[in-house]
Amino acid sequence: MSLPFDVAVRATGGTLRNPDAAPANVRVSTDTRTIEAGDTFVALRGERYDGHDFVMDALRRGASIVVVDRAVPDLDAAAMLIVEDTLRAYMALAAAARERFNGRVVGITGSAGKTTTKSFLYQLLEAEFGDRVVTAPANENNEIGVSRLLLRASDAAHDV
């Protein structure tokens, strides 16, 4: 789902550097392998990686802006949104996307059977609504996975 750029900036509470290079709309990715031209790259930190190490790669692959928690050297011309915490910013972007999304959202919880239930429900809804239904491709049932799902829902999606 794309967000108007000003909505994304307000949601994250970040400080914008080089606003002239910023896009009108924001489509978010955290994985440089899936970056498309114009995407916004959020540099998340993990146990074994730091997304800040991939900022230059994201820009080479076409990202139009990067969301970071510290200024990245040698990015004088790139649009950069500097936030306190990239994970919180990512979740704030997902919350902003959810606020703008008019479809229904179904969450499946419990200690057993979630994946099977999700698969069955998706097949039923997809048969009725086609590509307007979005589901997580894997067991992405944490704050990163749910945020990713909300942010990747197409603007035409009906149900998540």
Protein backbone atom coordinates (compact mmCIF):
# COMPACT_ATOMS: atom_id res chain seq x y z
CA MET A 1 0.00 0.00 0.00
CA SER A 2 1.37 3.40 -0.81
CA LEU A 3 1.12 6.28 1.63
CA PRO A 4 1.33 9.98 0.83
CA PHE A 5 4.81 11.10 1.80
CA ASP A 6 3.62 13.72 4.30
CA VAL A 7 1.54 11.05 6.08
CA ALA A 8 4.62 8.83 6.34
CA VAL A 9 6.76 11.62 7.77
CA ARG A 10 4.13 12.54 10.36
CA ALA A 11 3.58 8.89 11.31
CA THR A 12 7.25 8.29 12.03
CA GLY A 13 7.98 11.62 13.69
CA GLY A 14 11.26 11.62 11.82
CA THR A 15 13.47 14.41 10.57
CA LEU A 16 13.68 14.70 6.82
CA ARG A 17 16.95 15.39 5.04
CA ASN A 18 16.99 16.35 1.36
CA PRO A 19 13.21 16.72 0.95
CA ASP A 20 13.58 17.64 -2.73
CA ALA A 21 14.66 14.06 -3.45
CA ALA A 22 11.67 12.55 -1.60
CA PRO A 23 8.84 10.78 -3.45
CA ALA A 24 5.21 11.91 -3.49
CA ASN A 25 4.10 8.50 -2.22
CA VAL A 26 5.79 5.90 -0.07
CA ARG A 27 5.87 2.15 -0.74
CA VAL A 28 7.88 0.42 1.98
CA SER A 29 10.44 -2.39 1.89
CA THR A 30 12.91 -3.75 4.43
CA ASP A 31 14.64 -6.16 2.06
CA THR A 32 17.00 -4.83 -0.60
CA ARG A 33 16.41 -7.96 -2.67
CA THR A 34 12.83 -6.86 -3.30
CA ILE A 35 13.36 -3.11 -3.72
CA GLU A 36 11.67 -1.57 -6.73
CA ALA A 37 12.26 1.86 -8.19
CA GLY A 38 10.76 4.51 -5.95
CA ASP A 39 10.46 2.32 -2.84
CA THR A 40 11.22 3.49 0.67
CA PHE A 41 13.82 1.35 2.42
CA VAL A 42 13.52 1.00 6.21
CA ALA A 43 16.83 -0.05 7.77
CA LEU A 44 15.73 -2.50 10.47
CA ARG A 45 18.17 -4.08 12.88
CA GLY A 46 18.11 -7.80 13.60
CA GLU A 47 20.09 -10.20 15.74
CA ARG A 48 22.47 -10.97 12.86
CA TYR A 49 22.15 -7.96 10.60
CA ASP A 50 21.76 -4.21 10.54
CA GLY A 51 19.72 -2.74 7.70
CA HIS A 52 21.94 0.34 7.81
CA ASP A 53 24.65 -1.82 6.22
CA PHE A 54 22.40 -2.20 3.16
CA VAL A 55 21.37 1.43 2.63
CA MET A 56 23.72 1.99 -0.32
CA ASP A 57 22.51 -1.24 -1.94
CA ALA A 58 18.89 -0.13 -1.50
CA LEU A 59 19.65 3.18 -3.22
CA ARG A 60 21.50 1.45 -6.06
CA ARG A 61 18.46 -0.77 -6.56
CA GLY A 62 16.17 2.24 -6.88
CA ALA A 63 14.99 3.21 -3.40
CA SER A 64 14.02 6.87 -3.40
CA ILE A 65 14.31 7.41 0.35
CA VAL A 66 15.80 5.57 3.31
CA VAL A 67 14.49 5.47 6.87
CA VAL A 68 17.39 5.26 9.31
CA ASP A 69 18.05 5.89 12.99
CA ARG A 70 21.31 7.68 12.34
CA ALA A 71 22.68 9.75 9.51
CA VAL A 72 24.45 7.64 6.93
CA PRO A 73 27.70 9.09 5.57
CA ASP A 74 28.06 9.80 1.86
CA LEU A 75 24.33 10.23 1.31
CA ASP A 76 24.34 13.95 0.76
CA ALA A 77 21.93 13.85 -2.19
CA ALA A 78 19.61 11.03 -1.09
CA ALA A 79 16.36 11.63 0.75
CA MET A 80 16.73 10.36 4.29
CA LEU A 81 14.17 10.17 7.09
CA ILE A 82 16.00 9.99 10.41
CA VAL A 83 13.97 8.46 13.24
CA GLU A 84 14.70 7.42 16.82
CA ASP A 85 13.98 3.75 16.22
CA THR A 86 13.50 2.18 12.78
CA LEU A 87 11.34 -0.68 14.11
CA ARG A 88 8.96 1.77 15.79
CA ALA A 89 8.92 3.85 12.61
CA TYR A 90 8.13 0.74 10.56
CA MET A 91 5.24 -0.14 12.86
CA ALA A 92 4.03 3.49 12.73
CA LEU A 93 4.02 3.32 8.92
CA ALA A 94 1.99 0.10 9.13
CA ALA A 95 -0.45 1.75 11.54
CA ALA A 96 -0.84 4.67 9.13
CA ALA A 97 -1.49 2.21 6.31
CA ARG A 98 -4.08 0.42 8.44
CA GLU A 99 -5.86 3.71 9.17
CA ARG A 100 -6.13 4.40 5.43
CA PHE A 101 -7.21 0.85 4.58
CA ASN A 102 -10.98 0.52 4.25
CA GLY A 103 -11.14 -3.26 3.94
CA ARG A 104 -11.55 -5.84 6.65
CA VAL A 105 -8.64 -7.23 8.62
CA VAL A 106 -8.76 -10.70 10.19
CA GLY A 107 -6.27 -11.79 12.80
CA ILE A 108 -5.96 -15.46 13.71
CA THR A 109 -4.59 -16.15 17.16
CA GLY A 110 -4.04 -19.14 19.39
CA SER A 111 -1.39 -21.65 20.32
CA ALA A 112 -2.03 -24.27 17.62
CA GLY A 113 -3.57 -24.43 14.16
CA LYS A 114 -3.03 -20.83 13.08
CA THR A 115 -1.22 -21.62 9.83
CA THR A 116 -3.78 -24.20 8.72
CA THR A 117 -6.69 -21.93 9.65
CA LYS A 118 -5.06 -19.01 7.84
CA SER A 119 -4.58 -21.13 4.72
CA PHE A 120 -8.17 -22.37 4.69
CA LEU A 121 -9.60 -18.91 5.28
CA TYR A 122 -7.41 -17.38 2.58
CA GLN A 123 -8.53 -20.00 0.04
CA LEU A 124 -12.18 -19.34 0.84
CA LEU A 125 -11.85 -15.56 0.63
CA GLU A 126 -9.65 -15.66 -2.46
CA ALA A 127 -12.25 -17.78 -4.27
CA GLU A 128 -14.79 -15.03 -3.60
CA PHE A 129 -12.68 -11.87 -3.86
CA GLY A 130 -9.63 -12.86 -5.93
CA ASP A 131 -6.52 -10.70 -5.63
CA ARG A 132 -8.29 -8.25 -3.35
CA VAL A 133 -7.39 -10.60 -0.48
CA VAL A 134 -3.89 -10.55 1.01
CA THR A 135 -2.30 -13.04 3.38
CA ALA A 136 1.13 -13.49 4.89
CA PRO A 137 3.15 -15.93 2.76
CA ALA A 138 4.74 -17.46 5.85
CA ASN A 139 4.29 -17.49 9.61
CA GLU A 140 4.86 -13.77 9.99
CA ASN A 141 2.90 -13.35 13.19
CA ASN A 142 5.04 -10.77 14.98
CA GLU A 143 5.26 -6.98 14.79
CA ILE A 144 7.51 -7.08 11.72
CA GLY A 145 5.43 -9.64 9.84
CA VAL A 146 2.08 -8.00 10.56
CA SER A 147 3.51 -4.60 9.62
CA ARG A 148 4.92 -6.05 6.40
CA LEU A 149 1.53 -7.53 5.52
CA LEU A 150 -0.30 -4.24 6.10
CA LEU A 151 2.28 -2.31 4.11
CA ARG A 152 2.28 -4.72 1.17
CA ALA A 153 -1.50 -4.82 0.78
CA SER A 154 -2.31 -3.26 -2.57
CA ASP A 155 -4.42 -0.13 -2.69
CA ALA A 156 -7.11 -2.30 -4.34
CA ALA A 157 -7.07 -4.94 -1.59
CA HIS A 158 -10.37 -5.63 0.08
CA ASP A 159 -9.42 -7.92 2.94
CA VAL A 160 -6.21 -8.67 4.81
